[in-house]
Amino acid sequence: MRPLPAAAAALLLSVAAAYYVYVPLPSSLAEPWKLMVLDAVFRTFLHVGNLAQDLGISHYVHVVNYIVSQVEIKGPRSSETVRVTDTSLAGVQARVFEPKGMDRRLRRAVVYFHGGGWALGSGKMRSFDLLCRRMAEELHAVIVSVDYRLVPEVHFPEQYYDALNASQHFLKPEVLAQYSVDPERVAISGDSAGGNLAAAVAQQVWTVEIDAPLAFLLIVPRAILHPSFQMATDNSSSVKFKVQALIYPVLQALDFNTPSYQQNGDTPILYRSLMVLFWLEYLNGDTSFASSLLANNHTALDPGRLDAVETMAKVNWTRLLPPALRKHYKPVAPARGAPRIVDELPALLDARAAPLLAEQAVLRATPPAYIMTCEHDVLRDDGFMYGRRLEEAGVPVTHDHYEDGFHACMVFSVWPAKFSVGTRSLKNYIRWLDRNL
């Protein structure tokens, strides 16, 4: 058998590559071909990680993080305008960005949590490093990028407690004084899973003014008391966050069939099935539950339970979303399903894991909010519903929605993965912080 000519082999490889890269995308999505290439790279990392896990070599998360770290992880290198140092806040690793060349006036500060499904990424990655450097420069603010621990080394609630403990430590008057930070001008922020942590910590830090036993019942109705919980209900801290800025946050795991999940389930770079897997890994659940979660079988709660109707009302998108988003989609609410999943994973109902489930009294005590959402993102409706619930609780909300945006677009604002919507969204995010912090 004669070998294929080089030209024919090259053509076949090109066709195969194009087939692998191509994903049908909506015409309204920004720079679709660039997103296809970015998604293909990410999918390749996941495929390699899954293969390594199937072969018993390593957990897929370790493999993906290792690959990314080879090109993305950067050391704490200072510049002419920003001083960068790695430090520890209450035992939690963090990178601090301080603007240079300022007088002795007190500065603003932002505590930031990176995204990555509670499993991937680091504040030391190039994309987040550049994000925080730009924030420090343009806001003339101290930026604290928290490197909370990740799956599979730890699961919920440990990521949450890392975020909470680091935040509480930074808010100590003596620590703020060390960095010359104005205690009246500190923000909390994060993207995706980091937005989840930021929202949860904002709820906890602000509710210290509620009676401690009541706060425990409102926020962690089914949780086991953790040794670090005492920090959240310590009324000795007088410093609170001035604002919260949540970037395409993930806020609930009770409905994986909201209109945005149905509309964008196969849209890069956060697929519906991947988000379910992230949740199961975060909550240390059996991955065999994935198909039940995708079908919303876990929401077939026992109607005899006192909290069933009240809990589902907090994620009732038929009421919380505007008609323009509800469109033609119908709720997926099985009459019979697998309610035992909630019994095995009680954190599904824990507001520390799912901030959208917080009681109105807790939401009412949180700071003014900025919420960014993207049309082509499975998490779009989480952000819209949370904004609506915050507004109903009397909290001022600024909502930026990007019709051409996709999940994680804001961190793709620099070469080689630079998107126009990334540049616009980052600019508007920093502008809001500048005007409100």
Protein backbone atom coordinates (compact mmCIF):
# COMPACT_ATOMS: atom_id res chain seq x y z
CA MET A 1 0.00 0.00 0.00
CA ARG A 2 1.45 3.32 -1.08
CA PRO A 3 1.81 6.00 1.66
CA LEU A 4 -0.29 9.11 1.45
CA PRO A 5 1.37 12.04 -0.27
CA ALA A 6 2.48 14.75 2.13
CA ALA A 7 -0.10 17.18 0.75
CA ALA A 8 -2.94 14.71 1.30
CA ALA A 9 -1.76 13.91 4.83
CA ALA A 10 -1.56 17.61 5.63
CA LEU A 11 -5.06 18.11 4.25
CA LEU A 12 -6.45 15.28 6.38
CA LEU A 13 -4.76 16.66 9.48
CA SER A 14 -6.13 20.12 8.73
CA VAL A 15 -9.66 18.75 8.31
CA ALA A 16 -9.36 16.78 11.55
CA ALA A 17 -8.07 19.84 13.41
CA ALA A 18 -10.86 22.02 12.02
CA TYR A 19 -13.42 19.40 13.02
CA TYR A 20 -12.01 19.29 16.57
CA VAL A 21 -11.87 23.07 16.92
CA TYR A 22 -15.22 23.92 15.37
CA VAL A 23 -18.16 24.41 17.70
CA PRO A 24 -21.47 25.92 16.51
CA LEU A 25 -21.77 29.32 18.15
CA PRO A 26 -24.42 32.07 18.18
CA SER A 27 -23.77 34.91 15.76
CA SER A 28 -24.03 37.44 18.57
CA LEU A 29 -21.04 35.98 20.42
CA ALA A 30 -17.86 38.06 20.31
CA GLU A 31 -15.10 36.84 17.96
CA PRO A 32 -16.40 33.25 17.62
CA TRP A 33 -13.39 31.71 15.86
CA LYS A 34 -11.02 33.01 18.50
CA LEU A 35 -13.27 31.51 21.17
CA MET A 36 -13.32 28.17 19.33
CA VAL A 37 -9.52 28.01 19.41
CA LEU A 38 -9.42 28.97 23.09
CA ASP A 39 -12.04 26.34 23.88
CA ALA A 40 -10.15 23.68 21.90
CA VAL A 41 -7.03 24.34 23.96
CA PHE A 42 -8.97 24.09 27.21
CA ARG A 43 -10.76 20.91 26.08
CA THR A 44 -7.40 19.39 25.17
CA PHE A 45 -6.10 20.07 28.68
CA LEU A 46 -9.20 18.42 30.14
CA HIS A 47 -8.90 15.39 27.82
CA VAL A 48 -5.27 14.89 28.85
CA GLY A 49 -6.25 15.24 32.51
CA ASN A 50 -9.11 12.77 32.17
CA LEU A 51 -6.87 10.28 30.40
CA ALA A 52 -4.28 10.51 33.17
CA GLN A 53 -7.01 9.96 35.76
CA ASP A 54 -8.48 6.99 33.87
CA LEU A 55 -5.00 5.43 33.75
CA GLY A 56 -4.60 5.94 37.49
CA ILE A 57 -1.68 8.33 37.02
CA SER A 58 -3.10 11.44 38.69
CA HIS A 59 -6.31 13.33 39.40
CA TYR A 60 -7.34 15.27 36.30
CA VAL A 61 -7.27 18.56 38.24
CA HIS A 62 -3.60 18.06 39.10
CA VAL A 63 -2.77 17.42 35.46
CA VAL A 64 -4.64 20.47 34.15
CA ASN A 65 -3.18 22.74 36.81
CA TYR A 66 0.31 21.40 36.07
CA ILE A 67 -0.03 22.09 32.35
CA VAL A 68 -1.36 25.60 32.97
CA SER A 69 1.33 26.34 35.56
CA GLN A 70 4.09 25.70 33.01
CA VAL A 71 3.06 28.75 31.01
CA GLU A 72 0.83 30.77 33.31
CA ILE A 73 2.27 30.86 36.83
CA LYS A 74 4.35 33.96 37.43
CA GLY A 75 6.59 34.94 40.32
CA PRO A 76 5.92 38.03 42.47
CA ARG A 77 7.72 40.48 40.19
CA SER A 78 7.34 44.15 40.98
CA SER A 79 7.28 46.90 38.35
CA GLU A 80 7.90 50.62 38.29
CA THR A 81 4.32 51.26 39.33
CA VAL A 82 3.30 48.24 41.47
CA ARG A 83 5.04 46.42 44.30
CA VAL A 84 4.16 42.72 44.33
CA THR A 85 4.71 40.37 47.26
CA ASP A 86 3.56 36.90 48.26
CA THR A 87 2.34 36.58 51.81
CA SER A 88 0.07 34.60 54.13
CA LEU A 89 -3.17 35.81 55.68
CA ALA A 90 -4.28 33.63 58.60
CA GLY A 91 -2.39 30.75 57.02
CA VAL A 92 -3.90 31.31 53.56
CA GLN A 93 -1.55 32.14 50.68
CA ALA A 94 -2.11 35.47 48.95
CA ARG A 95 -0.41 37.84 46.53
CA VAL A 96 -0.53 41.54 47.38
CA PHE A 97 -0.29 44.31 44.78
CA GLU A 98 0.55 47.78 46.15
CA PRO A 99 0.71 50.92 44.00
CA LYS A 100 4.00 52.80 44.19
CA GLY A 101 4.64 56.51 44.26
CA MET A 102 1.73 57.57 46.46
CA ASP A 103 1.86 59.91 49.41
CA ARG A 104 0.94 58.87 52.94
CA ARG A 105 -2.79 59.16 52.39
CA LEU A 106 -4.80 56.04 53.08
CA ARG A 107 -5.53 53.88 50.06
CA ARG A 108 -8.46 51.78 48.88
CA ALA A 109 -8.27 47.99 48.78
CA VAL A 110 -9.90 45.02 47.02
CA VAL A 111 -9.86 41.44 48.28
CA TYR A 112 -10.10 39.27 45.15
CA PHE A 113 -10.83 35.55 44.62
CA HIS A 114 -9.94 33.91 41.30
CA GLY A 115 -12.28 31.59 39.43
CA GLY A 116 -11.76 28.00 38.31
CA GLY A 117 -14.57 25.85 39.69
CA TRP A 118 -12.97 25.71 43.17
CA ALA A 119 -10.46 23.33 41.54
CA LEU A 120 -8.44 25.13 38.87
CA GLY A 121 -6.35 28.27 38.67
CA SER A 122 -4.35 30.49 40.98
CA GLY A 123 -3.97 34.15 41.79
CA LYS A 124 -0.41 33.69 40.55
CA MET A 125 -1.53 32.87 37.01
CA ARG A 126 -0.56 35.42 34.38
CA SER A 127 -4.17 36.37 33.62
CA PHE A 128 -5.07 37.10 37.25
CA ASP A 129 -1.67 38.64 37.97
CA LEU A 130 -2.14 41.11 35.12
CA LEU A 131 -5.73 41.78 36.19
CA CYS A 132 -4.69 42.67 39.73
CA ARG A 133 -1.73 44.77 38.54
CA ARG A 134 -4.03 46.82 36.35
CA MET A 135 -6.51 47.25 39.20
CA ALA A 136 -3.73 48.41 41.53
CA GLU A 137 -2.49 50.91 38.95
CA GLU A 138 -5.80 52.37 37.83
CA LEU A 139 -7.52 52.38 41.23
CA HIS A 140 -4.37 53.34 43.16
CA ALA A 141 -5.47 50.58 45.49
CA VAL A 142 -4.03 47.62 47.35
CA ILE A 143 -5.22 44.39 45.71
CA VAL A 144 -5.14 41.16 47.71
CA SER A 145 -5.43 38.09 45.48
CA VAL A 146 -6.26 35.11 47.71
CA ASP A 147 -4.97 31.64 46.80
CA TYR A 148 -7.50 29.50 48.61
CA ARG A 149 -6.93 25.74 48.63
CA LEU A 150 -8.43 23.69 45.81
CA VAL A 151 -10.11 20.40 44.98
CA PRO A 152 -9.10 17.57 45.32
CA GLU A 153 -6.93 18.39 48.35
CA VAL A 154 -9.90 19.98 50.11
CA HIS A 155 -13.63 20.28 49.55
CA PHE A 156 -16.42 22.49 50.86
CA PRO A 157 -16.40 24.19 53.30
CA GLU A 158 -12.60 24.53 53.34
CA GLN A 159 -12.37 26.84 50.30
CA TYR A 160 -15.03 28.99 51.91
CA TYR A 161 -13.17 29.12 55.22
CA ASP A 162 -9.91 29.99 53.49
CA ALA A 163 -11.70 32.91 51.83
CA LEU A 164 -13.40 33.94 55.07
CA ASN A 165 -10.31 33.66 57.24
CA ALA A 166 -8.10 35.55 54.79
CA SER A 167 -10.73 38.30 54.51
CA GLN A 168 -11.21 38.61 58.25
CA HIS A 169 -7.46 38.74 58.79
CA PHE A 170 -6.98 41.48 56.21
CA LEU A 171 -9.81 43.51 57.76
CA LYS A 172 -8.03 43.64 61.12
CA PRO A 173 -7.18 47.29 61.89
CA GLU A 174 -3.49 46.51 62.41
CA VAL A 175 -3.24 44.74 59.03
CA LEU A 176 -5.04 47.55 57.21
CA ALA A 177 -2.66 50.00 58.87
CA GLN A 178 0.31 47.92 57.71
CA TYR A 179 -0.80 48.42 54.09
CA SER A 180 -2.02 52.02 54.62
CA VAL A 181 -5.59 51.05 53.73
CA ASP A 182 -8.64 53.14 54.59
CA PRO A 183 -10.92 50.81 56.62
CA GLU A 184 -13.96 52.54 55.12
CA ARG A 185 -12.94 51.72 51.54
CA VAL A 186 -12.39 47.99 51.19
CA ALA A 187 -14.17 45.90 48.54
CA ILE A 188 -14.61 42.16 48.08
CA SER A 189 -14.71 40.70 44.60
CA GLY A 190 -14.21 37.57 42.53
CA ASP A 191 -15.09 35.87 39.27
CA SER A 192 -17.03 32.64 38.71
CA ALA A 193 -16.27 30.34 41.67
CA GLY A 194 -14.37 33.29 43.14
CA GLY A 195 -17.57 35.32 42.81
CA ASN A 196 -19.32 32.57 44.76
CA LEU A 197 -16.76 32.88 47.57
CA ALA A 198 -16.95 36.68 47.52
CA ALA A 199 -20.76 36.64 47.83
CA ALA A 200 -20.66 34.06 50.63
CA VAL A 201 -18.00 35.94 52.59
CA ALA A 202 -19.84 39.24 52.11
CA GLN A 203 -22.94 37.65 53.63
CA GLN A 204 -20.98 36.33 56.59
CA VAL A 205 -18.86 39.38 57.32
CA TRP A 206 -21.81 41.74 57.21
CA THR A 207 -24.12 39.55 59.28
CA VAL A 208 -21.92 39.75 62.36
CA GLU A 209 -24.29 42.52 63.42
CA ILE A 210 -27.10 39.95 63.58
CA ASP A 211 -27.35 38.02 66.82
CA ALA A 212 -24.78 35.20 66.48
CA PRO A 213 -27.13 32.23 67.06
CA LEU A 214 -29.65 33.73 64.63
CA ALA A 215 -26.94 34.31 62.03
CA PHE A 216 -25.95 30.66 62.28
CA LEU A 217 -29.52 29.53 61.69
CA LEU A 218 -29.98 31.91 58.75
CA ILE A 219 -26.74 31.13 56.94
CA VAL A 220 -25.91 27.53 57.78
CA PRO A 221 -29.24 25.86 58.60
CA ARG A 222 -27.91 22.34 58.08
CA ALA A 223 -24.18 22.77 58.60
CA ILE A 224 -21.96 21.24 61.19
CA LEU A 225 -20.19 23.87 63.23
CA HIS A 226 -16.65 24.38 61.95
CA PRO A 227 -13.83 25.51 64.25
CA SER A 228 -13.40 28.68 62.18
CA PHE A 229 -17.06 29.69 62.41
CA GLN A 230 -16.30 31.74 65.50
CA MET A 231 -14.54 34.29 63.25
CA ALA A 232 -17.72 34.94 61.31
CA THR A 233 -19.77 35.75 64.39
CA ASP A 234 -17.09 37.76 66.19
CA ASN A 235 -18.64 41.14 66.85
CA SER A 236 -15.25 42.60 67.85
CA SER A 237 -14.50 43.47 64.20
CA SER A 238 -15.88 46.86 63.24
CA VAL A 239 -14.52 46.85 59.66
CA LYS A 240 -16.91 45.79 56.90
CA PHE A 241 -16.63 45.67 53.14
CA LYS A 242 -17.92 48.82 51.48
CA VAL A 243 -19.01 47.07 48.26
CA GLN A 244 -19.11 43.63 46.65
CA ALA A 245 -18.32 43.08 42.97
CA LEU A 246 -19.37 39.70 41.57
CA ILE A 247 -18.16 38.71 38.10
CA TYR A 248 -20.36 36.04 36.41
CA PRO A 249 -20.74 34.31 39.80
CA VAL A 250 -21.95 30.75 40.39
CA LEU A 251 -24.56 30.96 43.13
CA GLN A 252 -26.76 27.86 43.24
CA ALA A 253 -26.81 24.14 42.48
CA LEU A 254 -30.52 23.35 42.74
CA ASP A 255 -31.52 24.13 39.16
CA PHE A 256 -29.28 23.13 36.27
CA ASN A 257 -32.10 23.85 33.84
CA THR A 258 -32.57 27.59 34.17
CA PRO A 259 -33.02 29.31 30.79
CA SER A 260 -29.30 30.13 30.63
CA TYR A 261 -28.35 26.51 31.37
CA GLN A 262 -30.75 25.34 28.68
CA GLN A 263 -29.65 27.99 26.18
CA ASN A 264 -25.89 27.81 26.77
CA GLY A 265 -25.34 24.22 27.86
CA ASP A 266 -23.05 23.54 24.89
CA THR A 267 -21.46 26.99 24.64
CA PRO A 268 -17.75 27.41 25.46
CA ILE A 269 -15.97 27.65 27.71
CA LEU A 270 -18.08 26.55 30.66
CA TYR A 271 -20.28 23.67 29.56
CA ARG A 272 -23.31 22.64 31.58
CA SER A 273 -21.91 19.18 32.26
CA LEU A 274 -18.58 20.66 33.40
CA MET A 275 -20.32 22.99 35.86
CA VAL A 276 -22.16 20.03 37.37
CA LEU A 277 -18.85 18.18 37.72
CA PHE A 278 -17.27 21.21 39.42
CA TRP A 279 -20.14 21.30 41.92
CA LEU A 280 -19.85 17.59 42.72
CA GLU A 281 -16.09 17.88 43.19
CA TYR A 282 -16.53 20.96 45.40
CA LEU A 283 -19.14 19.28 47.60
CA ASN A 284 -17.20 15.99 47.63
CA GLY A 285 -20.13 14.19 46.01
CA ASP A 286 -20.20 11.03 43.98
CA THR A 287 -19.74 11.90 40.29
CA SER A 288 -22.37 9.27 39.49
CA PHE A 289 -24.89 11.87 40.66
CA ALA A 290 -24.11 14.00 37.60
CA SER A 291 -26.93 12.69 35.41
CA SER A 292 -29.46 13.19 38.22
CA LEU A 293 -28.31 16.76 38.77
CA LEU A 294 -28.48 17.51 35.05
CA ALA A 295 -32.10 16.30 35.09
CA ASN A 296 -32.86 18.28 38.29
CA ASN A 297 -33.81 15.00 39.99
CA HIS A 298 -32.19 16.24 43.19
CA THR A 299 -34.79 19.02 43.44
CA ALA A 300 -37.66 16.58 43.92
CA LEU A 301 -37.63 17.47 47.59
CA ASP A 302 -40.05 15.87 50.01
CA PRO A 303 -43.04 18.31 50.01
CA GLY A 304 -43.56 17.44 53.66
CA ARG A 305 -40.30 19.12 54.57
CA LEU A 306 -40.80 22.58 56.01
CA ASP A 307 -37.97 24.09 53.98
CA ALA A 308 -38.79 22.58 50.57
CA VAL A 309 -41.15 25.21 49.16
CA GLU A 310 -39.28 28.12 50.74
CA THR A 311 -35.93 26.90 49.42
CA MET A 312 -37.10 26.37 45.84
CA ALA A 313 -38.72 29.82 45.85
CA LYS A 314 -35.23 31.33 46.10
CA VAL A 315 -34.29 29.82 42.73
CA ASN A 316 -37.68 30.27 41.08
CA TRP A 317 -36.56 31.83 37.83
CA THR A 318 -40.13 32.10 36.52
CA ARG A 319 -40.52 34.94 39.04
CA LEU A 320 -36.97 36.23 39.44
CA LEU A 321 -35.99 36.55 35.76
CA PRO A 322 -37.34 39.16 33.32
CA PRO A 323 -39.46 37.88 30.41
CA ALA A 324 -36.67 38.63 27.94
CA LEU A 325 -34.56 35.95 29.59
CA ARG A 326 -37.32 33.44 30.30
CA LYS A 327 -38.20 33.30 26.59
CA HIS A 328 -39.83 29.99 25.64
CA TYR A 329 -38.07 27.89 28.26
CA LYS A 330 -40.00 25.75 30.72
CA PRO A 331 -39.05 24.76 34.27
CA VAL A 332 -37.69 21.25 34.76
CA ALA A 333 -39.19 20.08 38.04
CA PRO A 334 -39.54 16.30 38.36
CA ALA A 335 -42.38 15.15 40.58
CA ARG A 336 -40.31 12.11 41.43
CA GLY A 337 -36.55 12.06 41.40
CA ALA A 338 -33.67 11.39 43.73
CA PRO A 339 -34.21 13.52 46.85
CA ARG A 340 -31.72 11.33 48.68
CA ILE A 341 -28.98 13.27 46.87
CA VAL A 342 -29.77 16.30 49.02
CA ASP A 343 -29.63 14.10 52.10
CA GLU A 344 -26.20 12.86 51.05
CA LEU A 345 -25.04 16.34 49.99
CA PRO A 346 -26.68 18.73 52.50
CA ALA A 347 -24.35 21.50 51.35
CA LEU A 348 -26.60 21.88 48.31
CA LEU A 349 -28.90 23.78 50.69
CA ASP A 350 -26.12 25.62 52.53
CA ALA A 351 -25.94 29.33 51.72
CA ARG A 352 -22.19 29.31 52.31
CA ALA A 353 -21.95 27.08 49.22
CA ALA A 354 -24.94 28.56 47.38
CA PRO A 355 -25.31 32.26 48.34
CA LEU A 356 -28.53 32.60 46.33
CA LEU A 357 -30.23 30.56 49.07
CA ALA A 358 -29.53 33.10 51.82
CA GLU A 359 -32.45 34.47 53.79
CA GLN A 360 -33.64 37.99 53.04
CA ALA A 361 -32.48 39.21 56.45
CA VAL A 362 -28.94 38.15 55.54
CA LEU A 363 -29.09 39.71 52.08
CA ARG A 364 -30.42 42.95 53.53
CA ALA A 365 -27.25 43.34 55.60
CA THR A 366 -24.82 42.93 52.68
CA PRO A 367 -23.04 45.85 50.97
CA PRO A 368 -24.01 47.50 47.67
CA ALA A 369 -23.33 45.15 44.77
CA TYR A 370 -21.96 45.14 41.27
CA ILE A 371 -22.90 42.06 39.22
CA MET A 372 -21.55 41.22 35.79
CA THR A 373 -23.30 38.64 33.59
CA CYS A 374 -22.82 37.39 30.05
CA GLU A 375 -25.53 36.31 27.63
CA HIS A 376 -23.67 33.22 26.45
CA ASP A 377 -22.94 31.79 29.88
CA VAL A 378 -24.71 29.02 31.79
CA LEU A 379 -24.32 31.14 34.95
CA ARG A 380 -26.10 34.16 33.50
CA ASP A 381 -29.34 33.52 35.40
CA ASP A 382 -27.56 32.95 38.73
CA GLY A 383 -26.36 36.54 38.57
CA PHE A 384 -29.72 37.93 37.44
CA MET A 385 -31.62 36.10 40.19
CA TYR A 386 -29.16 37.19 42.87
CA GLY A 387 -29.39 40.78 41.72
CA ARG A 388 -33.19 40.62 41.90
CA ARG A 389 -33.13 39.12 45.41
CA LEU A 390 -30.63 41.73 46.60
CA GLU A 391 -32.81 44.53 45.22
CA GLU A 392 -35.89 43.05 46.91
CA ALA A 393 -33.89 43.09 50.16
CA GLY A 394 -33.16 46.80 49.66
CA VAL A 395 -29.52 46.47 48.55
CA PRO A 396 -28.38 48.83 45.75
CA VAL A 397 -27.31 46.80 42.70
CA THR A 398 -25.47 47.81 39.53
CA HIS A 399 -25.85 45.15 36.83
CA ASP A 400 -23.63 45.05 33.73
CA HIS A 401 -24.81 42.54 31.13
CA TYR A 402 -22.86 41.75 27.96
CA GLU A 403 -24.92 40.47 25.05
CA ASP A 404 -21.78 39.30 23.24
CA GLY A 405 -20.08 37.97 26.37
CA PHE A 406 -19.13 34.43 27.36
CA HIS A 407 -18.03 32.90 30.63
CA ALA A 408 -14.64 34.15 31.89
CA CYS A 409 -14.44 36.81 29.16
CA MET A 410 -13.15 39.53 31.51
CA VAL A 411 -9.80 37.81 32.12
CA PHE A 412 -9.27 37.52 28.36
CA SER A 413 -8.32 41.13 27.83
CA VAL A 414 -4.62 40.74 27.01
CA TRP A 415 -2.65 39.07 24.22
CA PRO A 416 -2.66 36.27 23.07
CA ALA A 417 -6.26 35.65 24.19
CA LYS A 418 -7.57 39.18 23.86
CA PHE A 419 -11.27 39.67 23.18
CA SER A 420 -13.04 42.97 22.62
CA VAL A 421 -15.72 42.05 25.18
CA GLY A 422 -12.95 41.23 27.65
CA THR A 423 -11.45 44.68 27.23
CA ARG A 424 -14.83 46.42 27.58
CA SER A 425 -15.97 44.41 30.58
CA LEU A 426 -12.69 44.92 32.46
CA LYS A 427 -12.76 48.64 31.75
CA ASN A 428 -16.32 48.97 33.07
CA TYR A 429 -15.59 46.82 36.13
CA ILE A 430 -12.64 48.99 37.13
CA ARG A 431 -14.64 52.16 36.40
CA TRP A 432 -17.43 51.00 38.74
CA LEU A 433 -14.96 50.25 41.51
CA ASP A 434 -13.30 53.63 41.00
CA ARG A 435 -16.63 55.44 41.33
CA ASN A 436 -18.05 53.41 44.20
CA LEU A 437 -15.13 52.40 46.38
